[in-house]
All heavy atoms as atom14 arrays in JSON, in Angstrom:
{
  "sequence": "LSLFDYDSSGAPIAERPTSQTPAQSLFWLNSPLVKYYADKFAERLLK",
  "atom14_mask": [
    [1, 1, 1, 1, 1, 1, 1, 1, 0, 0, 0, 0, 0, 0],
    [1, 1, 1, 1, 1, 1, 0, 0, 0, 0, 0, 0, 0, 0],
    [1, 1, 1, 1, 1, 1, 1, 1, 0, 0, 0, 0, 0, 0],
    [1, 1, 1, 1, 1, 1, 1, 1, 1, 1, 1, 0, 0, 0],
    [1, 1, 1, 1, 1, 1, 1, 1, 0, 0, 0, 0, 0, 0],
    [1, 1, 1, 1, 1, 1, 1, 1, 1, 1, 1, 1, 0, 0],
    [1, 1, 1, 1, 1, 1, 1, 1, 0, 0, 0, 0, 0, 0],
    [1, 1, 1, 1, 1, 1, 0, 0, 0, 0, 0, 0, 0, 0],
    [1, 1, 1, 1, 1, 1, 0, 0, 0, 0, 0, 0, 0, 0],
    [1, 1, 1, 1, 0, 0, 0, 0, 0, 0, 0, 0, 0, 0],
    [1, 1, 1, 1, 1, 0, 0, 0, 0, 0, 0, 0, 0, 0],
    [1, 1, 1, 1, 1, 1, 1, 0, 0, 0, 0, 0, 0, 0],
    [1, 1, 1, 1, 1, 1, 1, 1, 0, 0, 0, 0, 0, 0],
    [1, 1, 1, 1, 1, 0, 0, 0, 0, 0, 0, 0, 0, 0],
    [1, 1, 1, 1, 1, 1, 1, 1, 1, 0, 0, 0, 0, 0],
    [1, 1, 1, 1, 1, 1, 1, 1, 1, 1, 1, 0, 0, 0],
    [1, 1, 1, 1, 1, 1, 1, 0, 0, 0, 0, 0, 0, 0],
    [1, 1, 1, 1, 1, 1, 1, 0, 0, 0, 0, 0, 0, 0],
    [1, 1, 1, 1, 1, 1, 0, 0, 0, 0, 0, 0, 0, 0],
    [1, 1, 1, 1, 1, 1, 1, 1, 1, 0, 0, 0, 0, 0],
    [1, 1, 1, 1, 1, 1, 1, 0, 0, 0, 0, 0, 0, 0],
    [1, 1, 1, 1, 1, 1, 1, 0, 0, 0, 0, 0, 0, 0],
    [1, 1, 1, 1, 1, 0, 0, 0, 0, 0, 0, 0, 0, 0],
    [1, 1, 1, 1, 1, 1, 1, 1, 1, 0, 0, 0, 0, 0],
    [1, 1, 1, 1, 1, 1, 0, 0, 0, 0, 0, 0, 0, 0],
    [1, 1, 1, 1, 1, 1, 1, 1, 0, 0, 0, 0, 0, 0],
    [1, 1, 1, 1, 1, 1, 1, 1, 1, 1, 1, 0, 0, 0],
    [1, 1, 1, 1, 1, 1, 1, 1, 1, 1, 1, 1, 1, 1],
    [1, 1, 1, 1, 1, 1, 1, 1, 0, 0, 0, 0, 0, 0],
    [1, 1, 1, 1, 1, 1, 1, 1, 0, 0, 0, 0, 0, 0],
    [1, 1, 1, 1, 1, 1, 0, 0, 0, 0, 0, 0, 0, 0],
    [1, 1, 1, 1, 1, 1, 1, 0, 0, 0, 0, 0, 0, 0],
    [1, 1, 1, 1, 1, 1, 1, 1, 0, 0, 0, 0, 0, 0],
    [1, 1, 1, 1, 1, 1, 1, 0, 0, 0, 0, 0, 0, 0],
    [1, 1, 1, 1, 1, 1, 1, 1, 1, 0, 0, 0, 0, 0],
    [1, 1, 1, 1, 1, 1, 1, 1, 1, 1, 1, 1, 0, 0],
    [1, 1, 1, 1, 1, 1, 1, 1, 1, 1, 1, 1, 0, 0],
    [1, 1, 1, 1, 1, 0, 0, 0, 0, 0, 0, 0, 0, 0],
    [1, 1, 1, 1, 1, 1, 1, 1, 0, 0, 0, 0, 0, 0],
    [1, 1, 1, 1, 1, 1, 1, 1, 1, 0, 0, 0, 0, 0],
    [1, 1, 1, 1, 1, 1, 1, 1, 1, 1, 1, 0, 0, 0],
    [1, 1, 1, 1, 1, 0, 0, 0, 0, 0, 0, 0, 0, 0],
    [1, 1, 1, 1, 1, 1, 1, 1, 1, 0, 0, 0, 0, 0],
    [1, 1, 1, 1, 1, 1, 1, 1, 1, 1, 1, 0, 0, 0],
    [1, 1, 1, 1, 1, 1, 1, 1, 0, 0, 0, 0, 0, 0],
    [1, 1, 1, 1, 1, 1, 1, 1, 0, 0, 0, 0, 0, 0],
    [1, 1, 1, 1, 1, 1, 1, 1, 1, 0, 0, 0, 0, 0]
  ],
  "atom14_positions": [
    [[248.95, 151.36, 69.0], [248.74, 152.24, 67.85], [248.1, 151.48, 66.69], [247.22, 152.02, 66.02], [250.07, 152.88, 67.45], [250.65, 153.83, 68.5], [252.03, 154.31, 68.09], [249.74, 155.0, 68.77], [0.0, 0.0, 0.0], [0.0, 0.0, 0.0], [0.0, 0.0, 0.0], [0.0, 0.0, 0.0], [0.0, 0.0, 0.0], [0.0, 0.0, 0.0]],
    [[248.49, 150.25, 66.47], [247.87, 149.49, 65.37], [246.42, 149.14, 65.7], [245.58, 149.11, 64.81], [248.69, 148.23, 65.07], [248.63, 147.34, 66.15], [0.0, 0.0, 0.0], [0.0, 0.0, 0.0], [0.0, 0.0, 0.0], [0.0, 0.0, 0.0], [0.0, 0.0, 0.0], [0.0, 0.0, 0.0], [0.0, 0.0, 0.0], [0.0, 0.0, 0.0]],
    [[246.11, 148.88, 66.98], [244.73, 148.58, 67.36], [243.8, 149.76, 67.12], [242.63, 149.6, 66.82], [244.66, 148.23, 68.85], [244.82, 146.79, 69.24], [244.86, 146.66, 70.75], [243.73, 145.94, 68.67], [0.0, 0.0, 0.0], [0.0, 0.0, 0.0], [0.0, 0.0, 0.0], [0.0, 0.0, 0.0], [0.0, 0.0, 0.0], [0.0, 0.0, 0.0]],
    [[244.34, 150.98, 67.29], [243.5, 152.18, 67.19], [243.73, 152.91, 65.87], [243.73, 154.13, 65.81], [243.74, 153.08, 68.4], [243.18, 152.5, 69.66], [243.98, 151.74, 70.49], [241.85, 152.66, 69.99], [243.47, 151.17, 71.64], [241.33, 152.1, 71.13], [242.14, 151.35, 71.96], [0.0, 0.0, 0.0], [0.0, 0.0, 0.0], [0.0, 0.0, 0.0]],
    [[243.93, 152.14, 64.81], [243.89, 152.64, 63.42], [245.03, 153.56, 63.04], [244.86, 154.43, 62.18], [242.54, 153.31, 63.13], [241.38, 152.4, 63.45], [241.43, 151.23, 63.05], [240.44, 152.86, 64.12], [0.0, 0.0, 0.0], [0.0, 0.0, 0.0], [0.0, 0.0, 0.0], [0.0, 0.0, 0.0], [0.0, 0.0, 0.0], [0.0, 0.0, 0.0]],
    [[246.19, 153.4, 63.63], [247.36, 154.16, 63.21], [247.9, 153.56, 61.92], [248.04, 152.35, 61.8], [248.45, 154.15, 64.29], [249.74, 154.77, 63.86], [249.85, 156.15, 63.77], [250.83, 153.99, 63.54], [251.03, 156.74, 63.37], [252.02, 154.56, 63.14], [252.11, 155.94, 63.05], [253.28, 156.52, 62.65], [0.0, 0.0, 0.0], [0.0, 0.0, 0.0]],
    [[248.19, 154.4, 60.94], [248.74, 153.93, 59.67], [250.23, 154.2, 59.67], [250.67, 155.35, 59.61], [248.06, 154.66, 58.51], [248.59, 154.21, 57.16], [249.18, 153.12, 57.08], [248.42, 154.96, 56.2], [0.0, 0.0, 0.0], [0.0, 0.0, 0.0], [0.0, 0.0, 0.0], [0.0, 0.0, 0.0], [0.0, 0.0, 0.0], [0.0, 0.0, 0.0]],
    [[251.02, 153.16, 59.75], [252.47, 153.32, 59.84], [253.15, 153.51, 58.48], [254.36, 153.68, 58.42], [253.08, 152.11, 60.54], [252.8, 150.93, 59.81], [0.0, 0.0, 0.0], [0.0, 0.0, 0.0], [0.0, 0.0, 0.0], [0.0, 0.0, 0.0], [0.0, 0.0, 0.0], [0.0, 0.0, 0.0], [0.0, 0.0, 0.0], [0.0, 0.0, 0.0]],
    [[252.38, 153.51, 57.41], [252.99, 153.64, 56.07], [253.54, 155.03, 55.82], [254.43, 155.21, 55.01], [251.96, 153.3, 54.99], [250.99, 154.33, 54.9], [0.0, 0.0, 0.0], [0.0, 0.0, 0.0], [0.0, 0.0, 0.0], [0.0, 0.0, 0.0], [0.0, 0.0, 0.0], [0.0, 0.0, 0.0], [0.0, 0.0, 0.0], [0.0, 0.0, 0.0]],
    [[253.01, 156.02, 56.51], [253.48, 157.39, 56.29], [252.82, 158.07, 55.1], [253.09, 159.22, 54.82], [0.0, 0.0, 0.0], [0.0, 0.0, 0.0], [0.0, 0.0, 0.0], [0.0, 0.0, 0.0], [0.0, 0.0, 0.0], [0.0, 0.0, 0.0], [0.0, 0.0, 0.0], [0.0, 0.0, 0.0], [0.0, 0.0, 0.0], [0.0, 0.0, 0.0]],
    [[251.97, 157.34, 54.39], [251.28, 157.91, 53.23], [250.22, 158.89, 53.7], [249.5, 158.61, 54.65], [250.65, 156.81, 52.4], [0.0, 0.0, 0.0], [0.0, 0.0, 0.0], [0.0, 0.0, 0.0], [0.0, 0.0, 0.0], [0.0, 0.0, 0.0], [0.0, 0.0, 0.0], [0.0, 0.0, 0.0], [0.0, 0.0, 0.0], [0.0, 0.0, 0.0]],
    [[250.12, 160.05, 53.05], [249.08, 161.01, 53.46], [247.7, 160.48, 53.1], [247.48, 159.95, 52.01], [249.41, 162.26, 52.64], [250.28, 161.79, 51.52], [250.94, 160.53, 51.96], [0.0, 0.0, 0.0], [0.0, 0.0, 0.0], [0.0, 0.0, 0.0], [0.0, 0.0, 0.0], [0.0, 0.0, 0.0], [0.0, 0.0, 0.0], [0.0, 0.0, 0.0]],
    [[246.78, 160.59, 54.05], [245.4, 160.17, 53.8], [244.49, 161.28, 54.29], [244.77, 161.96, 55.27], [245.07, 158.84, 54.51], [245.45, 158.88, 55.99], [245.74, 157.67, 53.85], [245.05, 157.66, 56.77], [0.0, 0.0, 0.0], [0.0, 0.0, 0.0], [0.0, 0.0, 0.0], [0.0, 0.0, 0.0], [0.0, 0.0, 0.0], [0.0, 0.0, 0.0]],
    [[243.41, 161.48, 53.56], [242.48, 162.58, 53.88], [241.74, 162.31, 55.18], [241.58, 163.19, 56.0], [241.5, 162.78, 52.75], [0.0, 0.0, 0.0], [0.0, 0.0, 0.0], [0.0, 0.0, 0.0], [0.0, 0.0, 0.0], [0.0, 0.0, 0.0], [0.0, 0.0, 0.0], [0.0, 0.0, 0.0], [0.0, 0.0, 0.0], [0.0, 0.0, 0.0]],
    [[241.29, 161.08, 55.36], [240.55, 160.74, 56.57], [240.93, 159.33, 57.0], [240.92, 158.41, 56.19], [239.04, 160.82, 56.32], [238.23, 160.71, 57.56], [236.76, 160.97, 57.3], [236.45, 161.86, 56.5], [235.94, 160.26, 57.9], [0.0, 0.0, 0.0], [0.0, 0.0, 0.0], [0.0, 0.0, 0.0], [0.0, 0.0, 0.0], [0.0, 0.0, 0.0]],
    [[241.27, 159.2, 58.24], [241.67, 157.91, 58.78], [240.46, 157.02, 59.0], [239.44, 157.46, 59.48], [242.32, 158.15, 60.13], [243.53, 157.3, 60.37], [244.06, 157.58, 61.73], [245.32, 158.28, 61.62], [246.16, 158.43, 62.61], [245.86, 157.98, 63.8], [247.28, 159.05, 62.44], [0.0, 0.0, 0.0], [0.0, 0.0, 0.0], [0.0, 0.0, 0.0]],
    [[240.58, 155.75, 58.65], [239.46, 154.85, 58.95], [239.38, 154.64, 60.47], [240.39, 154.71, 61.17], [239.86, 153.54, 58.25], [241.34, 153.61, 58.14], [241.69, 155.07, 58.01], [0.0, 0.0, 0.0], [0.0, 0.0, 0.0], [0.0, 0.0, 0.0], [0.0, 0.0, 0.0], [0.0, 0.0, 0.0], [0.0, 0.0, 0.0], [0.0, 0.0, 0.0]],
    [[238.19, 154.42, 60.96], [238.02, 154.16, 62.39], [237.31, 152.83, 62.57], [236.4, 152.5, 61.82], [237.2, 155.26, 63.08], [235.93, 155.36, 62.45], [237.9, 156.6, 63.0], [0.0, 0.0, 0.0], [0.0, 0.0, 0.0], [0.0, 0.0, 0.0], [0.0, 0.0, 0.0], [0.0, 0.0, 0.0], [0.0, 0.0, 0.0], [0.0, 0.0, 0.0]],
    [[237.77, 152.1, 63.56], [237.15, 150.82, 63.83], [236.77, 150.76, 65.3], [237.32, 151.48, 66.13], [238.13, 149.68, 63.5], [239.27, 149.78, 64.33], [0.0, 0.0, 0.0], [0.0, 0.0, 0.0], [0.0, 0.0, 0.0], [0.0, 0.0, 0.0], [0.0, 0.0, 0.0], [0.0, 0.0, 0.0], [0.0, 0.0, 0.0], [0.0, 0.0, 0.0]],
    [[235.82, 149.91, 65.6], [235.43, 149.63, 66.98], [235.43, 148.13, 67.13], [234.55, 147.45, 66.6], [234.05, 150.21, 67.28], [234.03, 151.71, 67.24], [232.65, 152.27, 67.51], [231.66, 151.55, 67.54], [232.58, 153.57, 67.7], [0.0, 0.0, 0.0], [0.0, 0.0, 0.0], [0.0, 0.0, 0.0], [0.0, 0.0, 0.0], [0.0, 0.0, 0.0]],
    [[236.43, 147.63, 67.83], [236.57, 146.19, 67.96], [236.66, 145.78, 69.42], [237.05, 146.58, 70.27], [237.86, 145.7, 67.25], [238.99, 146.23, 67.95], [237.89, 146.15, 65.8], [0.0, 0.0, 0.0], [0.0, 0.0, 0.0], [0.0, 0.0, 0.0], [0.0, 0.0, 0.0], [0.0, 0.0, 0.0], [0.0, 0.0, 0.0], [0.0, 0.0, 0.0]],
    [[236.31, 144.54, 69.72], [236.47, 144.06, 71.09], [237.92, 144.12, 71.56], [238.2, 144.32, 72.73], [235.98, 142.61, 71.02], [235.09, 142.56, 69.83], [235.64, 143.57, 68.87], [0.0, 0.0, 0.0], [0.0, 0.0, 0.0], [0.0, 0.0, 0.0], [0.0, 0.0, 0.0], [0.0, 0.0, 0.0], [0.0, 0.0, 0.0], [0.0, 0.0, 0.0]],
    [[238.85, 143.97, 70.63], [240.28, 144.01, 70.99], [240.65, 145.37, 71.59], [241.52, 145.45, 72.46], [241.14, 143.71, 69.77], [0.0, 0.0, 0.0], [0.0, 0.0, 0.0], [0.0, 0.0, 0.0], [0.0, 0.0, 0.0], [0.0, 0.0, 0.0], [0.0, 0.0, 0.0], [0.0, 0.0, 0.0], [0.0, 0.0, 0.0], [0.0, 0.0, 0.0]],
    [[240.0, 146.43, 71.15], [240.28, 147.76, 71.71], [239.84, 147.82, 73.17], [240.58, 148.33, 74.02], [239.58, 148.84, 70.89], [240.14, 149.0, 69.51], [239.29, 149.9, 68.62], [238.1, 150.1, 68.87], [239.9, 150.43, 67.58], [0.0, 0.0, 0.0], [0.0, 0.0, 0.0], [0.0, 0.0, 0.0], [0.0, 0.0, 0.0], [0.0, 0.0, 0.0]],
    [[238.68, 147.3, 73.49], [238.21, 147.29, 74.88], [239.11, 146.42, 75.73], [239.46, 146.78, 76.86], [236.78, 146.76, 74.95], [235.92, 147.6, 74.24], [0.0, 0.0, 0.0], [0.0, 0.0, 0.0], [0.0, 0.0, 0.0], [0.0, 0.0, 0.0], [0.0, 0.0, 0.0], [0.0, 0.0, 0.0], [0.0, 0.0, 0.0], [0.0, 0.0, 0.0]],
    [[239.48, 145.26, 75.22], [240.35, 144.36, 75.98], [241.73, 144.97, 76.2], [242.37, 144.71, 77.22], [240.46, 143.01, 75.26], [239.17, 142.19, 75.25], [239.32, 140.98, 74.34], [238.78, 141.78, 76.65], [0.0, 0.0, 0.0], [0.0, 0.0, 0.0], [0.0, 0.0, 0.0], [0.0, 0.0, 0.0], [0.0, 0.0, 0.0], [0.0, 0.0, 0.0]],
    [[242.18, 145.78, 75.26], [243.46, 146.46, 75.43], [243.45, 147.32, 76.69], [244.38, 147.29, 77.49], [243.76, 147.34, 74.2], [244.92, 148.26, 74.41], [246.21, 147.81, 74.26], [244.72, 149.59, 74.78], [247.29, 148.66, 74.47], [245.77, 150.43, 75.0], [247.06, 149.97, 74.84], [0.0, 0.0, 0.0], [0.0, 0.0, 0.0], [0.0, 0.0, 0.0]],
    [[242.36, 148.09, 76.9], [242.29, 148.97, 78.08], [242.25, 148.17, 79.36], [242.69, 148.63, 80.41], [241.07, 149.9, 77.98], [241.21, 150.88, 76.87], [240.44, 150.95, 75.75], [242.18, 151.93, 76.74], [240.87, 151.96, 74.94], [241.94, 152.58, 75.52], [243.24, 152.37, 77.53], [242.71, 153.65, 75.08], [244.01, 153.44, 77.09], [243.74, 154.07, 75.88]],
    [[241.73, 146.95, 79.32], [241.64, 146.13, 80.52], [242.92, 145.35, 80.82], [243.25, 145.12, 81.98], [240.49, 145.12, 80.38], [239.09, 145.7, 80.36], [238.08, 144.62, 80.03], [238.78, 146.33, 81.71], [0.0, 0.0, 0.0], [0.0, 0.0, 0.0], [0.0, 0.0, 0.0], [0.0, 0.0, 0.0], [0.0, 0.0, 0.0], [0.0, 0.0, 0.0]],
    [[243.65, 144.93, 79.78], [244.73, 143.97, 79.98], [246.13, 144.46, 79.62], [247.09, 143.74, 79.86], [244.45, 142.71, 79.15], [243.14, 142.07, 79.54], [242.84, 141.95, 80.72], [242.35, 141.69, 78.56], [0.0, 0.0, 0.0], [0.0, 0.0, 0.0], [0.0, 0.0, 0.0], [0.0, 0.0, 0.0], [0.0, 0.0, 0.0], [0.0, 0.0, 0.0]],
    [[246.27, 145.6, 79.03], [247.58, 146.01, 78.52], [248.55, 146.43, 79.63], [248.2, 147.22, 80.51], [247.41, 147.18, 77.56], [248.67, 147.72, 77.23], [0.0, 0.0, 0.0], [0.0, 0.0, 0.0], [0.0, 0.0, 0.0], [0.0, 0.0, 0.0], [0.0, 0.0, 0.0], [0.0, 0.0, 0.0], [0.0, 0.0, 0.0], [0.0, 0.0, 0.0]],
    [[249.79, 145.94, 79.58], [250.8, 146.4, 80.52], [251.09, 147.9, 80.36], [251.48, 148.56, 81.31], [252.04, 145.57, 80.16], [251.56, 144.44, 79.34], [250.27, 144.86, 78.72], [0.0, 0.0, 0.0], [0.0, 0.0, 0.0], [0.0, 0.0, 0.0], [0.0, 0.0, 0.0], [0.0, 0.0, 0.0], [0.0, 0.0, 0.0], [0.0, 0.0, 0.0]],
    [[250.89, 148.42, 79.16], [251.12, 149.85, 78.92], [250.12, 150.69, 79.71], [250.49, 151.66, 80.37], [251.0, 150.15, 77.42], [251.26, 151.59, 77.0], [252.73, 151.95, 77.22], [250.89, 151.8, 75.54], [0.0, 0.0, 0.0], [0.0, 0.0, 0.0], [0.0, 0.0, 0.0], [0.0, 0.0, 0.0], [0.0, 0.0, 0.0], [0.0, 0.0, 0.0]],
    [[248.86, 150.31, 79.67], [247.82, 151.03, 80.42], [248.09, 150.9, 81.91], [248.0, 151.88, 82.66], [246.41, 150.5, 80.05], [245.36, 151.14, 80.92], [246.13, 150.75, 78.58], [0.0, 0.0, 0.0], [0.0, 0.0, 0.0], [0.0, 0.0, 0.0], [0.0, 0.0, 0.0], [0.0, 0.0, 0.0], [0.0, 0.0, 0.0], [0.0, 0.0, 0.0]],
    [[248.46, 149.71, 82.36], [248.77, 149.51, 83.78], [249.96, 150.38, 84.2], [249.94, 150.97, 85.27], [249.06, 148.04, 84.06], [249.31, 147.77, 85.53], [249.65, 146.32, 85.79], [249.88, 146.0, 87.23], [250.52, 146.99, 88.05], [0.0, 0.0, 0.0], [0.0, 0.0, 0.0], [0.0, 0.0, 0.0], [0.0, 0.0, 0.0], [0.0, 0.0, 0.0]],
    [[250.96, 150.46, 83.35], [252.15, 151.27, 83.65], [251.75, 152.73, 83.89], [252.12, 153.33, 84.9], [253.16, 151.16, 82.5], [254.32, 152.12, 82.61], [255.41, 151.81, 83.41], [254.33, 153.32, 81.9], [256.48, 152.68, 83.51], [255.39, 154.19, 82.01], [256.46, 153.87, 82.81], [257.52, 154.74, 82.91], [0.0, 0.0, 0.0], [0.0, 0.0, 0.0]],
    [[250.99, 153.31, 82.96], [250.6, 154.71, 83.09], [249.61, 154.92, 84.23], [249.64, 155.95, 84.9], [250.08, 155.27, 81.77], [251.21, 155.62, 80.84], [251.42, 154.91, 79.66], [252.1, 156.63, 81.14], [252.47, 155.22, 78.82], [253.15, 156.95, 80.31], [253.34, 156.23, 79.15], [254.39, 156.54, 78.33], [0.0, 0.0, 0.0], [0.0, 0.0, 0.0]],
    [[248.73, 153.95, 84.48], [247.8, 154.06, 85.6], [248.56, 154.04, 86.93], [248.26, 154.81, 87.84], [246.78, 152.92, 85.56], [0.0, 0.0, 0.0], [0.0, 0.0, 0.0], [0.0, 0.0, 0.0], [0.0, 0.0, 0.0], [0.0, 0.0, 0.0], [0.0, 0.0, 0.0], [0.0, 0.0, 0.0], [0.0, 0.0, 0.0], [0.0, 0.0, 0.0]],
    [[249.57, 153.16, 87.03], [250.4, 153.12, 88.25], [251.15, 154.42, 88.45], [251.22, 154.94, 89.57], [251.4, 151.96, 88.18], [250.74, 150.59, 88.34], [249.57, 150.54, 88.79], [251.4, 149.59, 88.01], [0.0, 0.0, 0.0], [0.0, 0.0, 0.0], [0.0, 0.0, 0.0], [0.0, 0.0, 0.0], [0.0, 0.0, 0.0], [0.0, 0.0, 0.0]],
    [[251.71, 154.97, 87.39], [252.45, 156.24, 87.5], [251.52, 157.37, 87.9], [251.88, 158.25, 88.69], [253.15, 156.58, 86.17], [254.26, 155.62, 85.8], [255.36, 155.67, 86.83], [256.49, 154.74, 86.44], [257.51, 154.66, 87.48], [0.0, 0.0, 0.0], [0.0, 0.0, 0.0], [0.0, 0.0, 0.0], [0.0, 0.0, 0.0], [0.0, 0.0, 0.0]],
    [[250.29, 157.36, 87.36], [249.32, 158.39, 87.72], [248.91, 158.26, 89.18], [248.82, 159.25, 89.91], [248.09, 158.28, 86.8], [247.06, 159.35, 87.01], [247.41, 160.69, 86.98], [245.74, 159.02, 87.23], [246.46, 161.68, 87.17], [244.78, 160.0, 87.42], [245.15, 161.33, 87.39], [0.0, 0.0, 0.0], [0.0, 0.0, 0.0], [0.0, 0.0, 0.0]],
    [[248.7, 157.03, 89.64], [248.34, 156.8, 91.04], [249.48, 157.25, 91.96], [249.22, 157.88, 93.0], [248.02, 155.33, 91.27], [0.0, 0.0, 0.0], [0.0, 0.0, 0.0], [0.0, 0.0, 0.0], [0.0, 0.0, 0.0], [0.0, 0.0, 0.0], [0.0, 0.0, 0.0], [0.0, 0.0, 0.0], [0.0, 0.0, 0.0], [0.0, 0.0, 0.0]],
    [[250.72, 156.96, 91.59], [251.86, 157.42, 92.39], [251.87, 158.94, 92.49], [252.11, 159.5, 93.57], [253.17, 156.95, 91.76], [253.44, 155.48, 91.91], [254.66, 155.04, 91.1], [255.46, 155.9, 90.65], [254.81, 153.82, 90.9], [0.0, 0.0, 0.0], [0.0, 0.0, 0.0], [0.0, 0.0, 0.0], [0.0, 0.0, 0.0], [0.0, 0.0, 0.0]],
    [[251.6, 159.59, 91.39], [251.57, 161.06, 91.37], [250.47, 161.6, 92.28], [250.67, 162.54, 93.04], [251.36, 161.55, 89.94], [251.35, 163.03, 89.8], [251.24, 163.45, 88.34], [250.49, 164.67, 88.32], [249.52, 164.96, 87.5], [249.18, 164.11, 86.57], [248.88, 166.09, 87.56], [0.0, 0.0, 0.0], [0.0, 0.0, 0.0], [0.0, 0.0, 0.0]],
    [[249.29, 160.98, 92.21], [248.18, 161.42, 93.05], [248.47, 161.21, 94.53], [248.16, 162.06, 95.37], [246.9, 160.69, 92.67], [246.26, 161.07, 91.34], [245.05, 160.19, 91.07], [245.87, 162.53, 91.31], [0.0, 0.0, 0.0], [0.0, 0.0, 0.0], [0.0, 0.0, 0.0], [0.0, 0.0, 0.0], [0.0, 0.0, 0.0], [0.0, 0.0, 0.0]],
    [[249.07, 160.07, 94.86], [249.33, 159.77, 96.26], [250.4, 160.66, 96.89], [250.5, 160.75, 98.1], [249.69, 158.29, 96.43], [248.53, 157.34, 96.19], [249.01, 155.88, 96.2], [247.42, 157.53, 97.21], [0.0, 0.0, 0.0], [0.0, 0.0, 0.0], [0.0, 0.0, 0.0], [0.0, 0.0, 0.0], [0.0, 0.0, 0.0], [0.0, 0.0, 0.0]],
    [[251.2, 161.31, 96.06], [252.2, 162.25, 96.58], [251.59, 163.6, 96.96], [252.21, 164.39, 97.64], [253.3, 162.48, 95.54], [254.21, 161.29, 95.37], [255.26, 161.56, 94.31], [256.1, 160.32, 94.07], [257.04, 160.53, 92.96], [0.0, 0.0, 0.0], [0.0, 0.0, 0.0], [0.0, 0.0, 0.0], [0.0, 0.0, 0.0], [0.0, 0.0, 0.0]]
  ]
}
């Protein structure tokens, strides 16, 4: 959530800033969270 511009302050903002960083791409490749959901999706498909 912090990598993809989530503001945890809870303050209302009119428009969220957006960033495009290499860390975002690397997150999709290396994150255990993405692997967890990809594995669960594959299990669902294989059933």
